[in-house]
Amino acid sequence: MELELAVEIKLDYKKDISSDSATIVSAKDIEKGIKKLMEGDSEVRKRMAEMSAKSRKAVMEGGSSFSSLGSFIDDVLDNIGSKEAKESLPN
């Protein structure tokens, strides 16, 4: 699933594993990419704002991430309790 929350800076970046040579992305290229993201009316910026709002809602009480994390913590605590109980049983 492509979220389209980024801009392309350089297409031909490659690193040769067998040597230490690599294509260096210049500061100017990085600056251009950041400026594209910061444009007030860019589609990427609008999608980033939407995703930010959805992410904040998910971690608030009652949100999906909040609930999932709570369930995970409960499950871990239940399993720790079970393990400790089993270890305390005589052999």
PDB file of N, CA and C in Angstrom:
ATOM      1  N   MET A   1       0.849  -1.175   0.000  1.00  0.00           N
ATOM      2  CA  MET A   1       0.000   0.000   0.000  1.00  0.00           C
ATOM      3  C   MET A   1       0.893   1.235   0.000  1.00  0.00           C
ATOM      4  N   GLU A   2       0.774   2.028  -0.990  1.00  0.00           N
ATOM      5  CA  GLU A   2       1.568   3.259  -1.129  1.00  0.00           C
ATOM      6  C   GLU A   2       0.818   4.410  -0.493  1.00  0.00           C
ATOM      7  N   LEU A   3       1.438   5.054   0.499  1.00  0.00           N
ATOM      8  CA  LEU A   3       0.797   6.174   1.184  1.00  0.00           C
ATOM      9  C   LEU A   3       1.077   7.510   0.515  1.00  0.00           C
ATOM     10  N   GLU A   4       2.090   7.557  -0.334  1.00  0.00           N
ATOM     11  CA  GLU A   4       2.467   8.775  -1.054  1.00  0.00           C
ATOM     12  C   GLU A   4       2.704   9.939  -0.097  1.00  0.00           C
ATOM     13  N   LEU A   5       3.539   9.679   0.930  1.00  0.00           N
ATOM     14  CA  LEU A   5       3.872  10.699   1.916  1.00  0.00           C
ATOM     15  C   LEU A   5       5.310  11.177   1.767  1.00  0.00           C
ATOM     16  N   ALA A   6       5.888  11.007   0.603  1.00  0.00           N
ATOM     17  CA  ALA A   6       7.278  11.382   0.386  1.00  0.00           C
ATOM     18  C   ALA A   6       7.447  11.986  -0.999  1.00  0.00           C
ATOM     19  N   VAL A   7       8.568  12.633  -1.194  1.00  0.00           N
ATOM     20  CA  VAL A   7       8.925  13.125  -2.525  1.00  0.00           C
ATOM     21  C   VAL A   7      10.225  12.449  -2.941  1.00  0.00           C
ATOM     22  N   GLU A   8      10.389  12.312  -4.219  1.00  0.00           N
ATOM     23  CA  GLU A   8      11.588  11.684  -4.749  1.00  0.00           C
ATOM     24  C   GLU A   8      12.719  12.695  -4.770  1.00  0.00           C
ATOM     25  N   ILE A   9      13.866  12.294  -4.255  1.00  0.00           N
ATOM     26  CA  ILE A   9      15.020  13.187  -4.258  1.00  0.00           C
ATOM     27  C   ILE A   9      15.994  12.789  -5.359  1.00  0.00           C
ATOM     28  N   LYS A  10      16.272  11.515  -5.455  1.00  0.00           N
ATOM     29  CA  LYS A  10      17.237  11.061  -6.455  1.00  0.00           C
ATOM     30  C   LYS A  10      16.855   9.666  -6.908  1.00  0.00           C
ATOM     31  N   LEU A  11      16.812   9.450  -8.209  1.00  0.00           N
ATOM     32  CA  LEU A  11      16.440   8.153  -8.760  1.00  0.00           C
ATOM     33  C   LEU A  11      17.611   7.182  -8.846  1.00  0.00           C
ATOM     34  N   ASP A  12      18.769   7.682  -9.113  1.00  0.00           N
ATOM     35  CA  ASP A  12      19.882   6.803  -9.448  1.00  0.00           C
ATOM     36  C   ASP A  12      20.846   6.549  -8.296  1.00  0.00           C
ATOM     37  N   TYR A  13      20.371   6.583  -7.063  1.00  0.00           N
ATOM     38  CA  TYR A  13      21.232   6.310  -5.923  1.00  0.00           C
ATOM     39  C   TYR A  13      21.517   4.819  -5.871  1.00  0.00           C
ATOM     40  N   LYS A  14      22.796   4.466  -5.875  1.00  0.00           N
ATOM     41  CA  LYS A  14      23.204   3.071  -5.771  1.00  0.00           C
ATOM     42  C   LYS A  14      24.454   2.989  -4.911  1.00  0.00           C
ATOM     43  N   LYS A  15      24.597   1.912  -4.180  1.00  0.00           N
ATOM     44  CA  LYS A  15      25.812   1.648  -3.423  1.00  0.00           C
ATOM     45  C   LYS A  15      26.296   0.280  -3.851  1.00  0.00           C
ATOM     46  N   ASP A  16      27.538   0.223  -4.279  1.00  0.00           N
ATOM     47  CA  ASP A  16      28.137  -1.030  -4.678  1.00  0.00           C
ATOM     48  C   ASP A  16      28.660  -1.707  -3.409  1.00  0.00           C
ATOM     49  N   ILE A  17      28.099  -2.846  -3.070  1.00  0.00           N
ATOM     50  CA  ILE A  17      28.462  -3.550  -1.847  1.00  0.00           C
ATOM     51  C   ILE A  17      29.925  -3.985  -1.872  1.00  0.00           C
ATOM     52  N   SER A  18      30.434  -4.299  -3.043  1.00  0.00           N
ATOM     53  CA  SER A  18      31.801  -4.808  -3.141  1.00  0.00           C
ATOM     54  C   SER A  18      32.859  -3.712  -3.036  1.00  0.00           C
ATOM     55  N   SER A  19      32.456  -2.456  -3.028  1.00  0.00           N
ATOM     56  CA  SER A  19      33.434  -1.371  -2.884  1.00  0.00           C
ATOM     57  C   SER A  19      32.850  -0.286  -1.986  1.00  0.00           C
ATOM     58  N   ASP A  20      33.675   0.689  -1.681  1.00  0.00           N
ATOM     59  CA  ASP A  20      33.223   1.781  -0.826  1.00  0.00           C
ATOM     60  C   ASP A  20      32.634   2.938  -1.621  1.00  0.00           C
ATOM     61  N   SER A  21      32.503   2.784  -2.927  1.00  0.00           N
ATOM     62  CA  SER A  21      31.980   3.885  -3.733  1.00  0.00           C
ATOM     63  C   SER A  21      30.457   3.945  -3.637  1.00  0.00           C
ATOM     64  N   ALA A  22      29.957   5.154  -3.584  1.00  0.00           N
ATOM     65  CA  ALA A  22      28.511   5.356  -3.522  1.00  0.00           C
ATOM     66  C   ALA A  22      28.190   6.684  -4.180  1.00  0.00           C
ATOM     67  N   THR A  23      26.997   6.785  -4.708  1.00  0.00           N
ATOM     68  CA  THR A  23      26.531   8.051  -5.248  1.00  0.00           C
ATOM     69  C   THR A  23      26.088   8.895  -4.068  1.00  0.00           C
ATOM     70  N   ILE A  24      26.607  10.091  -3.984  1.00  0.00           N
ATOM     71  CA  ILE A  24      26.277  10.977  -2.880  1.00  0.00           C
ATOM     72  C   ILE A  24      25.129  11.896  -3.301  1.00  0.00           C
ATOM     73  N   VAL A  25      24.121  11.997  -2.462  1.00  0.00           N
ATOM     74  CA  VAL A  25      23.018  12.914  -2.719  1.00  0.00           C
ATOM     75  C   VAL A  25      23.451  14.274  -2.176  1.00  0.00           C
ATOM     76  N   SER A  26      23.458  15.257  -3.030  1.00  0.00           N
ATOM     77  CA  SER A  26      23.956  16.573  -2.634  1.00  0.00           C
ATOM     78  C   SER A  26      22.984  17.293  -1.703  1.00  0.00           C
ATOM     79  N   ALA A  27      23.515  18.233  -0.944  1.00  0.00           N
ATOM     80  CA  ALA A  27      22.694  19.043  -0.047  1.00  0.00           C
ATOM     81  C   ALA A  27      21.644  19.807  -0.852  1.00  0.00           C
ATOM     82  N   LYS A  28      22.016  20.228  -2.058  1.00  0.00           N
ATOM     83  CA  LYS A  28      21.082  20.970  -2.911  1.00  0.00           C
ATOM     84  C   LYS A  28      19.879  20.088  -3.291  1.00  0.00           C
ATOM     85  N   ASP A  29      20.143  18.802  -3.619  1.00  0.00           N
ATOM     86  CA  ASP A  29      19.057  17.879  -3.952  1.00  0.00           C
ATOM     87  C   ASP A  29      18.146  17.655  -2.742  1.00  0.00           C
ATOM     88  N   ILE A  30      18.737  17.512  -1.570  1.00  0.00           N
ATOM     89  CA  ILE A  30      17.963  17.320  -0.351  1.00  0.00           C
ATOM     90  C   ILE A  30      17.122  18.567  -0.057  1.00  0.00           C
ATOM     91  N   GLU A  31      17.733  19.733  -0.229  1.00  0.00           N
ATOM     92  CA  GLU A  31      17.021  20.998  -0.006  1.00  0.00           C
ATOM     93  C   GLU A  31      15.811  21.105  -0.926  1.00  0.00           C
ATOM     94  N   LYS A  32      15.982  20.741  -2.202  1.00  0.00           N
ATOM     95  CA  LYS A  32      14.868  20.805  -3.150  1.00  0.00           C
ATOM     96  C   LYS A  32      13.739  19.875  -2.716  1.00  0.00           C
ATOM     97  N   GLY A  33      14.097  18.677  -2.254  1.00  0.00           N
ATOM     98  CA  GLY A  33      13.091  17.723  -1.797  1.00  0.00           C
ATOM     99  C   GLY A  33      12.325  18.249  -0.599  1.00  0.00           C
ATOM    100  N   ILE A  34      13.029  18.846   0.360  1.00  0.00           N
ATOM    101  CA  ILE A  34      12.383  19.405   1.552  1.00  0.00           C
ATOM    102  C   ILE A  34      11.463  20.556   1.174  1.00  0.00           C
ATOM    103  N   LYS A  35      11.911  21.399   0.255  1.00  0.00           N
ATOM    104  CA  LYS A  35      11.075  22.520  -0.183  1.00  0.00           C
ATOM    105  C   LYS A  35       9.794  22.031  -0.847  1.00  0.00           C
ATOM    106  N   LYS A  36       9.886  20.919  -1.605  1.00  0.00           N
ATOM    107  CA  LYS A  36       8.681  20.354  -2.221  1.00  0.00           C
ATOM    108  C   LYS A  36       7.693  19.917  -1.147  1.00  0.00           C
ATOM    109  N   LEU A  37       8.210  19.341  -0.066  1.00  0.00           N
ATOM    110  CA  LEU A  37       7.339  18.894   1.026  1.00  0.00           C
ATOM    111  C   LEU A  37       6.709  20.065   1.765  1.00  0.00           C
ATOM    112  N   MET A  38       7.428  21.169   1.840  1.00  0.00           N
ATOM    113  CA  MET A  38       6.976  22.308   2.630  1.00  0.00           C
ATOM    114  C   MET A  38       6.038  23.240   1.870  1.00  0.00           C
ATOM    115  N   GLU A  39       5.855  23.035   0.584  1.00  0.00           N
ATOM    116  CA  GLU A  39       4.942  23.867  -0.189  1.00  0.00           C
ATOM    117  C   GLU A  39       3.549  23.752   0.410  1.00  0.00           C
ATOM    118  N   GLY A  40       2.935  24.882   0.698  1.00  0.00           N
ATOM    119  CA  GLY A  40       1.652  24.909   1.382  1.00  0.00           C
ATOM    120  C   GLY A  40       0.529  24.173   0.682  1.00  0.00           C
ATOM    121  N   ASP A  41       0.541  24.139  -0.633  1.00  0.00           N
ATOM    122  CA  ASP A  41      -0.573  23.548  -1.373  1.00  0.00           C
ATOM    123  C   ASP A  41      -0.232  22.193  -1.982  1.00  0.00           C
ATOM    124  N   SER A  42       0.884  21.582  -1.567  1.00  0.00           N
ATOM    125  CA  SER A  42       1.272  20.311  -2.182  1.00  0.00           C
ATOM    126  C   SER A  42       0.363  19.182  -1.701  1.00  0.00           C
ATOM    127  N   GLU A  43       0.099  18.230  -2.573  1.00  0.00           N
ATOM    128  CA  GLU A  43      -0.729  17.064  -2.243  1.00  0.00           C
ATOM    129  C   GLU A  43      -0.064  16.231  -1.154  1.00  0.00           C
ATOM    130  N   VAL A  44       1.264  16.117  -1.206  1.00  0.00           N
ATOM    131  CA  VAL A  44       1.988  15.339  -0.195  1.00  0.00           C
ATOM    132  C   VAL A  44       1.775  15.959   1.178  1.00  0.00           C
ATOM    133  N   ARG A  45       1.858  17.269   1.256  1.00  0.00           N
ATOM    134  CA  ARG A  45       1.669  17.960   2.539  1.00  0.00           C
ATOM    135  C   ARG A  45       0.244  17.747   3.068  1.00  0.00           C
ATOM    136  N   LYS A  46      -0.740  17.771   2.181  1.00  0.00           N
ATOM    137  CA  LYS A  46      -2.130  17.533   2.590  1.00  0.00           C
ATOM    138  C   LYS A  46      -2.296  16.110   3.125  1.00  0.00           C
ATOM    139  N   ARG A  47      -1.700  15.122   2.428  1.00  0.00           N
ATOM    140  CA  ARG A  47      -1.790  13.737   2.880  1.00  0.00           C
ATOM    141  C   ARG A  47      -1.065  13.543   4.211  1.00  0.00           C
ATOM    142  N   MET A  48       0.063  14.243   4.391  1.00  0.00           N
ATOM    143  CA  MET A  48       0.795  14.153   5.661  1.00  0.00           C
ATOM    144  C   MET A  48      -0.059  14.699   6.802  1.00  0.00           C
ATOM    145  N   ALA A  49      -0.757  15.794   6.576  1.00  0.00           N
ATOM    146  CA  ALA A  49      -1.621  16.377   7.604  1.00  0.00           C
ATOM    147  C   ALA A  49      -2.772  15.430   7.946  1.00  0.00           C
ATOM    148  N   GLU A  50      -3.358  14.812   6.932  1.00  0.00           N
ATOM    149  CA  GLU A  50      -4.436  13.850   7.164  1.00  0.00           C
ATOM    150  C   GLU A  50      -3.941  12.656   7.971  1.00  0.00           C
ATOM    151  N   MET A  51      -2.768  12.127   7.601  1.00  0.00           N
ATOM    152  CA  MET A  51      -2.212  10.971   8.296  1.00  0.00           C
ATOM    153  C   MET A  51      -1.843  11.335   9.733  1.00  0.00           C
ATOM    154  N   SER A  52      -1.353  12.543   9.934  1.00  0.00           N
ATOM    155  CA  SER A  52      -1.012  13.004  11.275  1.00  0.00           C
ATOM    156  C   SER A  52      -2.254  13.025  12.167  1.00  0.00           C
ATOM    157  N   ALA A  53      -3.352  13.538  11.639  1.00  0.00           N
ATOM    158  CA  ALA A  53      -4.602  13.597  12.402  1.00  0.00           C
ATOM    159  C   ALA A  53      -5.108  12.189  12.725  1.00  0.00           C
ATOM    160  N   LYS A  54      -5.062  11.284  11.750  1.00  0.00           N
ATOM    161  CA  LYS A  54      -5.502   9.906  11.974  1.00  0.00           C
ATOM    162  C   LYS A  54      -4.614   9.215  13.016  1.00  0.00           C
ATOM    163  N   SER A  55      -3.309   9.472  12.958  1.00  0.00           N
ATOM    164  CA  SER A  55      -2.370   8.856  13.898  1.00  0.00           C
ATOM    165  C   SER A  55      -2.631   9.342  15.314  1.00  0.00           C
ATOM    166  N   ARG A  56      -2.864  10.637  15.459  1.00  0.00           N
ATOM    167  CA  ARG A  56      -3.166  11.187  16.791  1.00  0.00           C
ATOM    168  C   ARG A  56      -4.445  10.576  17.355  1.00  0.00           C
ATOM    169  N   LYS A  57      -5.444  10.417  16.504  1.00  0.00           N
ATOM    170  CA  LYS A  57      -6.714   9.847  16.946  1.00  0.00           C
ATOM    171  C   LYS A  57      -6.530   8.390  17.377  1.00  0.00           C
ATOM    172  N   ALA A  58      -5.680   7.655  16.679  1.00  0.00           N
ATOM    173  CA  ALA A  58      -5.465   6.241  16.983  1.00  0.00           C
ATOM    174  C   ALA A  58      -4.810   6.028  18.341  1.00  0.00           C
ATOM    175  N   VAL A  59      -3.945   6.962  18.772  1.00  0.00           N
ATOM    176  CA  VAL A  59      -3.255   6.781  20.051  1.00  0.00           C
ATOM    177  C   VAL A  59      -4.000   7.416  21.224  1.00  0.00           C
ATOM    178  N   MET A  60      -5.078   8.123  20.959  1.00  0.00           N
ATOM    179  CA  MET A  60      -5.892   8.703  22.042  1.00  0.00           C
ATOM    180  C   MET A  60      -6.712   7.594  22.693  1.00  0.00           C
ATOM    181  N   GLU A  61      -7.140   7.832  23.919  1.00  0.00           N
ATOM    182  CA  GLU A  61      -7.955   6.838  24.622  1.00  0.00           C
ATOM    183  C   GLU A  61      -9.163   6.468  23.769  1.00  0.00           C
ATOM    184  N   GLY A  62      -9.349   5.178  23.565  1.00  0.00           N
ATOM    185  CA  GLY A  62     -10.443   4.688  22.732  1.00  0.00           C
ATOM    186  C   GLY A  62     -10.038   4.464  21.286  1.00  0.00           C
ATOM    187  N   GLY A  63      -8.868   4.965  20.881  1.00  0.00           N
ATOM    188  CA  GLY A  63      -8.388   4.771  19.514  1.00  0.00           C
ATOM    189  C   GLY A  63      -7.881   3.359  19.297  1.00  0.00           C
ATOM    190  N   SER A  64      -7.707   2.970  18.044  1.00  0.00           N
ATOM    191  CA  SER A  64      -7.324   1.595  17.720  1.00  0.00           C
ATOM    192  C   SER A  64      -5.952   1.220  18.270  1.00  0.00           C
ATOM    193  N   SER A  65      -4.968   2.090  18.150  1.00  0.00           N
ATOM    194  CA  SER A  65      -3.636   1.777  18.668  1.00  0.00           C
ATOM    195  C   SER A  65      -3.645   1.737  20.187  1.00  0.00           C
ATOM    196  N   PHE A  66      -4.383   2.637  20.806  1.00  0.00           N
ATOM    197  CA  PHE A  66      -4.507   2.672  22.265  1.00  0.00           C
ATOM    198  C   PHE A  66      -5.089   1.347  22.755  1.00  0.00           C
ATOM    199  N   SER A  67      -6.156   0.898  22.114  1.00  0.00           N
ATOM    200  CA  SER A  67      -6.820  -0.349  22.494  1.00  0.00           C
ATOM    201  C   SER A  67      -5.920  -1.555  22.258  1.00  0.00           C
ATOM    202  N   SER A  68      -5.237  -1.577  21.113  1.00  0.00           N
ATOM    203  CA  SER A  68      -4.356  -2.697  20.792  1.00  0.00           C
ATOM    204  C   SER A  68      -3.203  -2.787  21.778  1.00  0.00           C
ATOM    205  N   LEU A  69      -2.616  -1.662  22.124  1.00  0.00           N
ATOM    206  CA  LEU A  69      -1.517  -1.659  23.081  1.00  0.00           C
ATOM    207  C   LEU A  69      -2.005  -2.136  24.444  1.00  0.00           C
ATOM    208  N   GLY A  70      -3.198  -1.682  24.856  1.00  0.00           N
ATOM    209  CA  GLY A  70      -3.762  -2.134  26.121  1.00  0.00           C
ATOM    210  C   GLY A  70      -3.975  -3.642  26.137  1.00  0.00           C
ATOM    211  N   SER A  71      -4.487  -4.191  25.041  1.00  0.00           N
ATOM    212  CA  SER A  71      -4.696  -5.638  24.938  1.00  0.00           C
ATOM    213  C   SER A  71      -3.369  -6.387  24.984  1.00  0.00           C
ATOM    214  N   PHE A  72      -2.369  -5.863  24.317  1.00  0.00           N
ATOM    215  CA  PHE A  72      -1.044  -6.483  24.314  1.00  0.00           C
ATOM    216  C   PHE A  72      -0.466  -6.510  25.727  1.00  0.00           C
ATOM    217  N   ILE A  73      -0.541  -5.389  26.429  1.00  0.00           N
ATOM    218  CA  ILE A  73      -0.008  -5.311  27.793  1.00  0.00           C
ATOM    219  C   ILE A  73      -0.757  -6.285  28.705  1.00  0.00           C
ATOM    220  N   ASP A  74      -2.077  -6.351  28.584  1.00  0.00           N
ATOM    221  CA  ASP A  74      -2.860  -7.295  29.385  1.00  0.00           C
ATOM    222  C   ASP A  74      -2.429  -8.730  29.105  1.00  0.00           C
ATOM    223  N   ASP A  75      -2.231  -9.056  27.834  1.00  0.00           N
ATOM    224  CA  ASP A  75      -1.819 -10.400  27.440  1.00  0.00           C
ATOM    225  C   ASP A  75      -0.445 -10.740  28.024  1.00  0.00           C
ATOM    226  N   VAL A  76       0.497  -9.809  27.940  1.00  0.00           N
ATOM    227  CA  VAL A  76       1.833 -10.041  28.487  1.00  0.00           C
ATOM    228  C   VAL A  76       1.747 -10.258  29.992  1.00  0.00           C
ATOM    229  N   LEU A  77       1.016  -9.410  30.679  1.00  0.00           N
ATOM    230  CA  LEU A  77       0.885  -9.544  32.132  1.00  0.00           C
ATOM    231  C   LEU A  77       0.209 -10.862  32.509  1.00  0.00           C
ATOM    232  N   ASP A  78      -0.793 -11.277  31.755  1.00  0.00           N
ATOM    233  CA  ASP A  78      -1.447 -12.565  32.017  1.00  0.00           C
ATOM    234  C   ASP A  78      -0.466 -13.715  31.841  1.00  0.00           C
ATOM    235  N   ASN A  79       0.350 -13.662  30.797  1.00  0.00           N
ATOM    236  CA  ASN A  79       1.309 -14.731  30.531  1.00  0.00           C
ATOM    237  C   ASN A  79       2.441 -14.739  31.552  1.00  0.00           C
ATOM    238  N   ILE A  80       2.864 -13.586  32.011  1.00  0.00           N
ATOM    239  CA  ILE A  80       3.907 -13.527  33.036  1.00  0.00           C
ATOM    240  C   ILE A  80       3.364 -14.157  34.319  1.00  0.00           C
ATOM    241  N   GLY A  81       2.127 -13.825  34.656  1.00  0.00           N
ATOM    242  CA  GLY A  81       1.501 -14.408  35.842  1.00  0.00           C
ATOM    243  C   GLY A  81       1.389 -15.916  35.728  1.00  0.00           C
ATOM    244  N   SER A  82       1.038 -16.422  34.558  1.00  0.00           N
ATOM    245  CA  SER A  82       0.918 -17.864  34.342  1.00  0.00           C
ATOM    246  C   SER A  82       2.268 -18.542  34.465  1.00  0.00           C
ATOM    247  N   LYS A  83       3.295 -17.934  33.924  1.00  0.00           N
ATOM    248  CA  LYS A  83       4.634 -18.511  33.971  1.00  0.00           C
ATOM    249  C   LYS A  83       5.128 -18.570  35.412  1.00  0.00           C
ATOM    250  N   GLU A  84       4.924 -17.485  36.173  1.00  0.00           N
ATOM    251  CA  GLU A  84       5.363 -17.450  37.565  1.00  0.00           C
ATOM    252  C   GLU A  84       4.606 -18.491  38.382  1.00  0.00           C
ATOM    253  N   ALA A  85       3.323 -18.657  38.110  1.00  0.00           N
ATOM    254  CA  ALA A  85       2.525 -19.644  38.830  1.00  0.00           C
ATOM    255  C   ALA A  85       3.019 -21.056  38.533  1.00  0.00           C
ATOM    256  N   LYS A  86       3.322 -21.330  37.277  1.00  0.00           N
ATOM    257  CA  LYS A  86       3.821 -22.655  36.891  1.00  0.00           C
ATOM    258  C   LYS A  86       5.167 -22.938  37.555  1.00  0.00           C
ATOM    259  N   GLU A  87       6.039 -21.919  37.608  1.00  0.00           N
ATOM    260  CA  GLU A  87       7.364 -22.107  38.180  1.00  0.00           C
ATOM    261  C   GLU A  87       7.296 -22.343  39.692  1.00  0.00           C
ATOM    262  N   SER A  88       6.253 -21.833  40.344  1.00  0.00           N
ATOM    263  CA  SER A  88       6.138 -21.988  41.802  1.00  0.00           C
ATOM    264  C   SER A  88       5.551 -23.336  42.199  1.00  0.00           C
ATOM    265  N   LEU A  89       4.995 -24.071  41.227  1.00  0.00           N
ATOM    266  CA  LEU A  89       4.420 -25.397  41.523  1.00  0.00           C
ATOM    267  C   LEU A  89       5.543 -26.386  41.849  1.00  0.00           C
ATOM    268  N   PRO A  90       5.317 -27.267  42.823  1.00  0.00           N
ATOM    269  CA  PRO A  90       6.334 -28.273  43.134  1.00  0.00           C
ATOM    270  C   PRO A  90       6.405 -29.307  42.008  1.00  0.00           C
ATOM    271  N   ASN A  91       7.599 -29.820  41.782  1.00  0.00           N
ATOM    272  CA  ASN A  91       7.774 -30.830  40.712  1.00  0.00           C
ATOM    273  C   ASN A  91       7.391 -32.179  41.158  1.00  0.00           C
TER     274      ASN A  91
END
